[in-house]
């Protein structure tokens, strides 16, 4: 639900060759028809718009590049940052504040905190408390269970990911025999 005026202005400044297209698509609200109802579409990018992903990336680009964490990886709205916990904490504050200014919210229940370097249980509790103060509901994930963009990175996650794929392939294989 990124604010349309924000991404239109970003496009006007950074990709002027796309501005006329984006303005014609998003300059005014559009009508969505559903089951006899008319809904106004007044914010965000339309699903299915082939320019949607790059428009979204342009909209958040300034936020992403303002972060200080040594690891700063993004795929659309899925971000991964890593550094000393204070750097990450400050970056998370920045993300929450700046995203709010352009109509976006951080889904806190989907945020994950992973402790690297084996801090003591007391230190982990202190760090978690600091993160919970700005992101209530943040989940703690063990390094072995780490997933990035749905792919297992940690040893347990890799095993789980491969087992899920084997199960999907088994189901597919069983169903292929039912086709003419």
C-alpha atoms as a PDB file:
ATOM      1  CA  UNK A   1       0.000   0.000   0.000  1.00  0.00           C
ATOM      2  CA  UNK A   2       2.845   2.374  -0.741  1.00  0.00           C
ATOM      3  CA  UNK A   3       1.565   5.939  -1.093  1.00  0.00           C
ATOM      4  CA  UNK A   4       0.939   6.708  -4.759  1.00  0.00           C
ATOM      5  CA  UNK A   5       2.009  10.340  -4.567  1.00  0.00           C
ATOM      6  CA  UNK A   6       5.360   9.180  -3.142  1.00  0.00           C
ATOM      7  CA  UNK A   7       6.134   6.668  -5.860  1.00  0.00           C
ATOM      8  CA  UNK A   8       4.854   8.952  -8.622  1.00  0.00           C
ATOM      9  CA  UNK A   9       7.200  11.704  -7.447  1.00  0.00           C
ATOM     10  CA  UNK A  10      10.063   9.206  -7.179  1.00  0.00           C
ATOM     11  CA  UNK A  11       9.412   8.034 -10.744  1.00  0.00           C
ATOM     12  CA  UNK A  12       9.142  11.617 -12.003  1.00  0.00           C
ATOM     13  CA  UNK A  13      12.589  12.374 -10.576  1.00  0.00           C
ATOM     14  CA  UNK A  14      14.447   9.099 -11.172  1.00  0.00           C
ATOM     15  CA  UNK A  15      12.782   7.476 -14.189  1.00  0.00           C
ATOM     16  CA  UNK A  16      11.073  10.267 -16.120  1.00  0.00           C
ATOM     17  CA  UNK A  17      10.668   8.048 -19.199  1.00  0.00           C
ATOM     18  CA  UNK A  18       8.211   5.928 -17.144  1.00  0.00           C
ATOM     19  CA  UNK A  19       6.355   8.840 -15.563  1.00  0.00           C
ATOM     20  CA  UNK A  20       3.599   9.252 -18.179  1.00  0.00           C
ATOM     21  CA  UNK A  21       2.753   5.544 -17.970  1.00  0.00           C
ATOM     22  CA  UNK A  22       2.765   5.550 -14.160  1.00  0.00           C
ATOM     23  CA  UNK A  23       0.727   8.741 -13.953  1.00  0.00           C
ATOM     24  CA  UNK A  24      -1.897   7.376 -16.362  1.00  0.00           C
ATOM     25  CA  UNK A  25      -2.158   4.203 -14.268  1.00  0.00           C
ATOM     26  CA  UNK A  26      -1.918   5.741 -10.781  1.00  0.00           C
ATOM     27  CA  UNK A  27      -2.566   9.492 -11.064  1.00  0.00           C
ATOM     28  CA  UNK A  28      -6.222   9.025 -10.123  1.00  0.00           C
ATOM     29  CA  UNK A  29      -8.044   6.284  -8.236  1.00  0.00           C
ATOM     30  CA  UNK A  30      -9.428   3.390 -10.222  1.00  0.00           C
ATOM     31  CA  UNK A  31     -12.556   1.327  -9.785  1.00  0.00           C
ATOM     32  CA  UNK A  32     -12.468  -2.327  -8.809  1.00  0.00           C
ATOM     33  CA  UNK A  33     -15.657  -4.299  -9.376  1.00  0.00           C
ATOM     34  CA  UNK A  34     -16.392  -7.241  -7.104  1.00  0.00           C
ATOM     35  CA  UNK A  35     -19.638  -9.138  -6.691  1.00  0.00           C
ATOM     36  CA  UNK A  36     -21.765  -6.114  -7.557  1.00  0.00           C
ATOM     37  CA  UNK A  37     -19.712  -3.771  -5.380  1.00  0.00           C
ATOM     38  CA  UNK A  38     -17.504  -0.970  -6.591  1.00  0.00           C
ATOM     39  CA  UNK A  39     -14.330  -0.464  -4.593  1.00  0.00           C
ATOM     40  CA  UNK A  40     -12.029   2.490  -5.064  1.00  0.00           C
ATOM     41  CA  UNK A  41      -8.371   1.600  -5.525  1.00  0.00           C
ATOM     42  CA  UNK A  42      -6.577   4.627  -4.118  1.00  0.00           C
ATOM     43  CA  UNK A  43      -3.219   3.423  -2.866  1.00  0.00           C
ATOM     44  CA  UNK A  44      -0.519   0.929  -3.657  1.00  0.00           C
ATOM     45  CA  UNK A  45       0.499  -0.702  -6.887  1.00  0.00           C
ATOM     46  CA  UNK A  46      -1.941  -2.823  -8.856  1.00  0.00           C
ATOM     47  CA  UNK A  47      -1.318  -6.545  -8.735  1.00  0.00           C
ATOM     48  CA  UNK A  48      -0.312  -7.740 -12.188  1.00  0.00           C
ATOM     49  CA  UNK A  49       1.214  -4.442 -13.281  1.00  0.00           C
ATOM     50  CA  UNK A  50       4.440  -5.483 -15.044  1.00  0.00           C
ATOM     51  CA  UNK A  51       6.056  -2.262 -13.801  1.00  0.00           C
ATOM     52  CA  UNK A  52       4.810  -2.902 -10.237  1.00  0.00           C
ATOM     53  CA  UNK A  53       7.939  -4.515  -8.788  1.00  0.00           C
ATOM     54  CA  UNK A  54      10.380  -1.885 -10.116  1.00  0.00           C
ATOM     55  CA  UNK A  55       8.003   0.906  -9.047  1.00  0.00           C
ATOM     56  CA  UNK A  56       7.892  -0.568  -5.531  1.00  0.00           C
ATOM     57  CA  UNK A  57      11.677  -0.884  -5.449  1.00  0.00           C
ATOM     58  CA  UNK A  58      12.042   2.743  -6.530  1.00  0.00           C
ATOM     59  CA  UNK A  59       9.657   3.736  -3.737  1.00  0.00           C
ATOM     60  CA  UNK A  60      11.701   2.060  -0.982  1.00  0.00           C
ATOM     61  CA  UNK A  61      15.153   2.550  -2.512  1.00  0.00           C
ATOM     62  CA  UNK A  62      15.988   5.627  -0.442  1.00  0.00           C
ATOM     63  CA  UNK A  63      15.158   3.786   2.789  1.00  0.00           C
ATOM     64  CA  UNK A  64      17.198   0.719   1.830  1.00  0.00           C
ATOM     65  CA  UNK A  65      20.277   2.747   0.937  1.00  0.00           C
ATOM     66  CA  UNK A  66      20.083   4.819   4.129  1.00  0.00           C
ATOM     67  CA  UNK A  67      20.638   1.742   6.329  1.00  0.00           C
ATOM     68  CA  UNK A  68      24.002   1.257   8.038  1.00  0.00           C
ATOM     69  CA  UNK A  69      24.075  -2.538   8.515  1.00  0.00           C
ATOM     70  CA  UNK A  70      26.982  -4.333   6.823  1.00  0.00           C
ATOM     71  CA  UNK A  71      24.564  -6.927   5.389  1.00  0.00           C
ATOM     72  CA  UNK A  72      21.664  -5.203   3.658  1.00  0.00           C
ATOM     73  CA  UNK A  73      19.847  -7.547   1.228  1.00  0.00           C
ATOM     74  CA  UNK A  74      16.366  -6.973  -0.175  1.00  0.00           C
ATOM     75  CA  UNK A  75      13.972  -8.610  -2.582  1.00  0.00           C
ATOM     76  CA  UNK A  76      11.009  -6.268  -2.959  1.00  0.00           C
ATOM     77  CA  UNK A  77       9.574  -5.968   0.579  1.00  0.00           C
ATOM     78  CA  UNK A  78      11.602  -8.809   2.082  1.00  0.00           C
ATOM     79  CA  UNK A  79      14.686  -7.350   3.766  1.00  0.00           C
ATOM     80  CA  UNK A  80      17.597  -8.980   5.561  1.00  0.00           C
ATOM     81  CA  UNK A  81      19.982  -6.876   7.634  1.00  0.00           C
ATOM     82  CA  UNK A  82      22.832  -8.021   9.850  1.00  0.00           C
ATOM     83  CA  UNK A  83      25.520  -6.306  11.889  1.00  0.00           C
ATOM     84  CA  UNK A  84      26.197  -5.515  15.548  1.00  0.00           C
ATOM     85  CA  UNK A  85      22.823  -5.588  17.253  1.00  0.00           C
ATOM     86  CA  UNK A  86      22.813  -1.831  17.966  1.00  0.00           C
ATOM     87  CA  UNK A  87      23.322  -1.071  14.265  1.00  0.00           C
ATOM     88  CA  UNK A  88      20.517  -3.446  13.308  1.00  0.00           C
ATOM     89  CA  UNK A  89      18.272  -1.991  16.023  1.00  0.00           C
ATOM     90  CA  UNK A  90      18.842   1.536  14.700  1.00  0.00           C
ATOM     91  CA  UNK A  91      18.234   0.365  11.130  1.00  0.00           C
ATOM     92  CA  UNK A  92      14.982  -1.280  12.203  1.00  0.00           C
ATOM     93  CA  UNK A  93      13.914   2.009  13.802  1.00  0.00           C
ATOM     94  CA  UNK A  94      14.710   3.753  10.510  1.00  0.00           C
ATOM     95  CA  UNK A  95      12.764   1.212   8.472  1.00  0.00           C
ATOM     96  CA  UNK A  96       9.688   1.470  10.703  1.00  0.00           C
ATOM     97  CA  UNK A  97       9.722   5.283  10.766  1.00  0.00           C
ATOM     98  CA  UNK A  98      10.530   5.900   7.101  1.00  0.00           C
ATOM     99  CA  UNK A  99       8.204   3.185   5.789  1.00  0.00           C
ATOM    100  CA  UNK A 100       5.363   4.768   7.750  1.00  0.00           C
ATOM    101  CA  UNK A 101       5.963   8.080   5.975  1.00  0.00           C
ATOM    102  CA  UNK A 102       5.248   6.461   2.599  1.00  0.00           C
ATOM    103  CA  UNK A 103       2.249   4.384   3.649  1.00  0.00           C
ATOM    104  CA  UNK A 104       4.020   1.124   4.478  1.00  0.00           C
ATOM    105  CA  UNK A 105       4.022  -0.775   7.752  1.00  0.00           C
ATOM    106  CA  UNK A 106       6.408  -3.414   9.010  1.00  0.00           C
ATOM    107  CA  UNK A 107       4.585  -6.663   9.735  1.00  0.00           C
ATOM    108  CA  UNK A 108       6.194  -7.193  13.117  1.00  0.00           C
ATOM    109  CA  UNK A 109       5.026 -10.784  13.555  1.00  0.00           C
ATOM    110  CA  UNK A 110       7.031 -11.708  10.432  1.00  0.00           C
ATOM    111  CA  UNK A 111      10.246 -10.108  11.693  1.00  0.00           C
ATOM    112  CA  UNK A 112      12.934 -12.505  12.850  1.00  0.00           C
ATOM    113  CA  UNK A 113      15.919 -11.997  15.114  1.00  0.00           C
ATOM    114  CA  UNK A 114      18.833 -14.400  14.802  1.00  0.00           C
ATOM    115  CA  UNK A 115      21.638 -14.415  17.348  1.00  0.00           C
ATOM    116  CA  UNK A 116      25.054 -15.018  15.852  1.00  0.00           C
ATOM    117  CA  UNK A 117      28.283 -15.376  17.798  1.00  0.00           C
ATOM    118  CA  UNK A 118      26.684 -17.209  20.745  1.00  0.00           C
ATOM    119  CA  UNK A 119      25.883 -14.364  23.146  1.00  0.00           C
ATOM    120  CA  UNK A 120      25.041 -15.471  26.680  1.00  0.00           C
ATOM    121  CA  UNK A 121      21.375 -16.189  27.482  1.00  0.00           C
ATOM    122  CA  UNK A 122      21.316 -13.010  29.592  1.00  0.00           C
ATOM    123  CA  UNK A 123      22.662 -10.911  26.709  1.00  0.00           C
ATOM    124  CA  UNK A 124      20.155 -12.515  24.328  1.00  0.00           C
ATOM    125  CA  UNK A 125      17.321 -11.614  26.723  1.00  0.00           C
ATOM    126  CA  UNK A 126      18.550  -8.003  26.929  1.00  0.00           C
ATOM    127  CA  UNK A 127      18.844  -7.708  23.140  1.00  0.00           C
ATOM    128  CA  UNK A 128      15.429  -9.303  22.591  1.00  0.00           C
ATOM    129  CA  UNK A 129      13.909  -6.862  25.075  1.00  0.00           C
ATOM    130  CA  UNK A 130      15.360  -3.907  23.130  1.00  0.00           C
ATOM    131  CA  UNK A 131      14.015  -5.247  19.834  1.00  0.00           C
ATOM    132  CA  UNK A 132      10.595  -6.006  21.364  1.00  0.00           C
ATOM    133  CA  UNK A 133      10.380  -2.394  22.548  1.00  0.00           C
ATOM    134  CA  UNK A 134      10.240  -1.198  18.916  1.00  0.00           C
ATOM    135  CA  UNK A 135       8.970  -4.359  17.212  1.00  0.00           C
ATOM    136  CA  UNK A 136       6.623  -6.248  19.554  1.00  0.00           C
ATOM    137  CA  UNK A 137       6.176  -9.836  18.499  1.00  0.00           C
ATOM    138  CA  UNK A 138       9.532 -10.203  16.771  1.00  0.00           C
ATOM    139  CA  UNK A 139      10.379 -13.903  16.514  1.00  0.00           C
ATOM    140  CA  UNK A 140      13.692 -15.443  17.573  1.00  0.00           C
ATOM    141  CA  UNK A 141      14.986 -17.951  15.025  1.00  0.00           C
ATOM    142  CA  UNK A 142      17.892 -20.309  15.628  1.00  0.00           C
ATOM    143  CA  UNK A 143      20.725 -19.953  13.069  1.00  0.00           C
ATOM    144  CA  UNK A 144      20.160 -23.572  11.980  1.00  0.00           C
ATOM    145  CA  UNK A 145      16.539 -22.730  11.101  1.00  0.00           C
ATOM    146  CA  UNK A 146      17.364 -19.690   8.959  1.00  0.00           C
ATOM    147  CA  UNK A 147      15.394 -19.238   5.727  1.00  0.00           C
ATOM    148  CA  UNK A 148      16.021 -16.478   3.222  1.00  0.00           C
ATOM    149  CA  UNK A 149      13.269 -15.901   0.656  1.00  0.00           C
ATOM    150  CA  UNK A 150      11.818 -19.335   1.346  1.00  0.00           C
ATOM    151  CA  UNK A 151      15.071 -21.196   0.831  1.00  0.00           C
ATOM    152  CA  UNK A 152      16.804 -22.930   3.700  1.00  0.00           C
ATOM    153  CA  UNK A 153      20.172 -21.499   4.697  1.00  0.00           C
ATOM    154  CA  UNK A 154      20.660 -23.039   8.143  1.00  0.00           C
ATOM    155  CA  UNK A 155      21.344 -26.781   8.331  1.00  0.00           C
ATOM    156  CA  UNK A 156      17.881 -27.649   9.750  1.00  0.00           C
ATOM    157  CA  UNK A 157      16.187 -25.313   7.287  1.00  0.00           C
ATOM    158  CA  UNK A 158      17.961 -26.900   4.328  1.00  0.00           C
ATOM    159  CA  UNK A 159      16.801 -30.340   5.435  1.00  0.00           C
ATOM    160  CA  UNK A 160      13.219 -29.101   5.983  1.00  0.00           C
ATOM    161  CA  UNK A 161      13.238 -27.298   2.622  1.00  0.00           C
ATOM    162  CA  UNK A 162      14.437 -30.415   0.779  1.00  0.00           C
ATOM    163  CA  UNK A 163      11.918 -32.643   2.581  1.00  0.00           C
ATOM    164  CA  UNK A 164       9.112 -30.259   1.593  1.00  0.00           C
ATOM    165  CA  UNK A 165      10.259 -30.338  -2.036  1.00  0.00           C
ATOM    166  CA  UNK A 166      10.480 -34.146  -2.000  1.00  0.00           C
ATOM    167  CA  UNK A 167       6.921 -34.277  -0.629  1.00  0.00           C
ATOM    168  CA  UNK A 168       5.693 -31.878  -3.339  1.00  0.00           C
ATOM    169  CA  UNK A 169       7.416 -33.941  -6.045  1.00  0.00           C
ATOM    170  CA  UNK A 170       5.923 -37.131  -4.645  1.00  0.00           C
ATOM    171  CA  UNK A 171       2.423 -35.616  -4.789  1.00  0.00           C
ATOM    172  CA  UNK A 172       3.086 -34.410  -8.331  1.00  0.00           C
ATOM    173  CA  UNK A 173       4.376 -37.819  -9.351  1.00  0.00           C
ATOM    174  CA  UNK A 174       1.289 -39.548  -7.913  1.00  0.00           C
ATOM    175  CA  UNK A 175      -1.031 -37.182  -9.784  1.00  0.00           C
ATOM    176  CA  UNK A 176       0.783 -37.565 -13.114  1.00  0.00           C
ATOM    177  CA  UNK A 177      -0.426 -41.155 -13.323  1.00  0.00           C
ATOM    178  CA  UNK A 178      -4.028 -39.915 -13.263  1.00  0.00           C
ATOM    179  CA  UNK A 179      -3.618 -37.803 -16.400  1.00  0.00           C
ATOM    180  CA  UNK A 180      -4.600 -39.133 -19.829  1.00  0.00           C
END
